[in-house]
Amino acid sequence: MYKYLPYVILLLFLCSALKINAKDSIILSVDNYPPYIDARKNNKGKLAKIITDIFKMQGYDVKYQFMSWPETEIAITGGNSFSFMWYKTEQRTKNWIFSDPITSLNTSFLYRKNNKFKLERIDQLRRYSIGITKGYSYGDYFDVYKEQLKLVSSISDYEGIKKLLAGETDLLLIEPLVAKSLLEDWFSDEVDNTKLSYVNYLSNQPIYLVCSQQYVSCAHLMQKFNFALRELKASNALNIE
């Protein structure tokens, strides 16, 4: 019996090593949302770089899985991965653990410069056709009022811009840096023909890193992430612009 003891010890050591390696790897399930998340970039985007650096500060390797946002939501809830760029909702807090707020995102109107619009009050929007992206929230105030509006849904901001430029919509709700990035990358001839306008009834919402409550390591890893995030904010090192 004792002649097998070294092999048993070796097997236990290998199992222990595998557990450590599994712990040291973080999976981030996300969709493209340039310039914040961009699979084409080596650093995976402006915000992705910050998330990656925070986990690396804690001694973890980061692997990215790119999929659609609806697929991402399923992957988070049912798997052992993290994601970010999410707004907090009552429904999501039933299943997910949320980090401290990472930063906040604004929503603006994108439109063609040759058109004139009155956008000071939300009731003025009823005369316009407004592009939105499926699954996105534009703030509680807008969401309550949207039943009274003519909304045209798209599967992505990219598709929303295409519809706007084709004249299928009058306005598009979009995050300003995302609009700028998409226009410069895919519609460069139209950059000078479009304009962004911010109004105070559109959302300025914090975004979060999230993971499932069913993920055994979620709470512990989130605590470590929050500690590093607070350190970055305290040193004014959290710069996404």
Foldseek 3Di string as FASTA:
>chain_A
DVVCVVVVVVVVVVVVVVVVLVVQEAEEEEEDQPQQAQPVDPCRHLVSVVLQVLSVVVRHHYDYDYDAPVVSVVCQQPHQHKYKPDFDDPVVVVWKDWADFLFWFFKWKKFFPVDDADDADPVSQAVWEEEEEPPDDFDPLCVVVCVSHRYDYDPDVLVVVVCRVVVVGGIYIDTVNSVVVSCVVPVVVCPVGMDIDGYPSTDTTTMTMMHTPPNPCGVVVSVSSNVSSVVCVVVVNSDRD
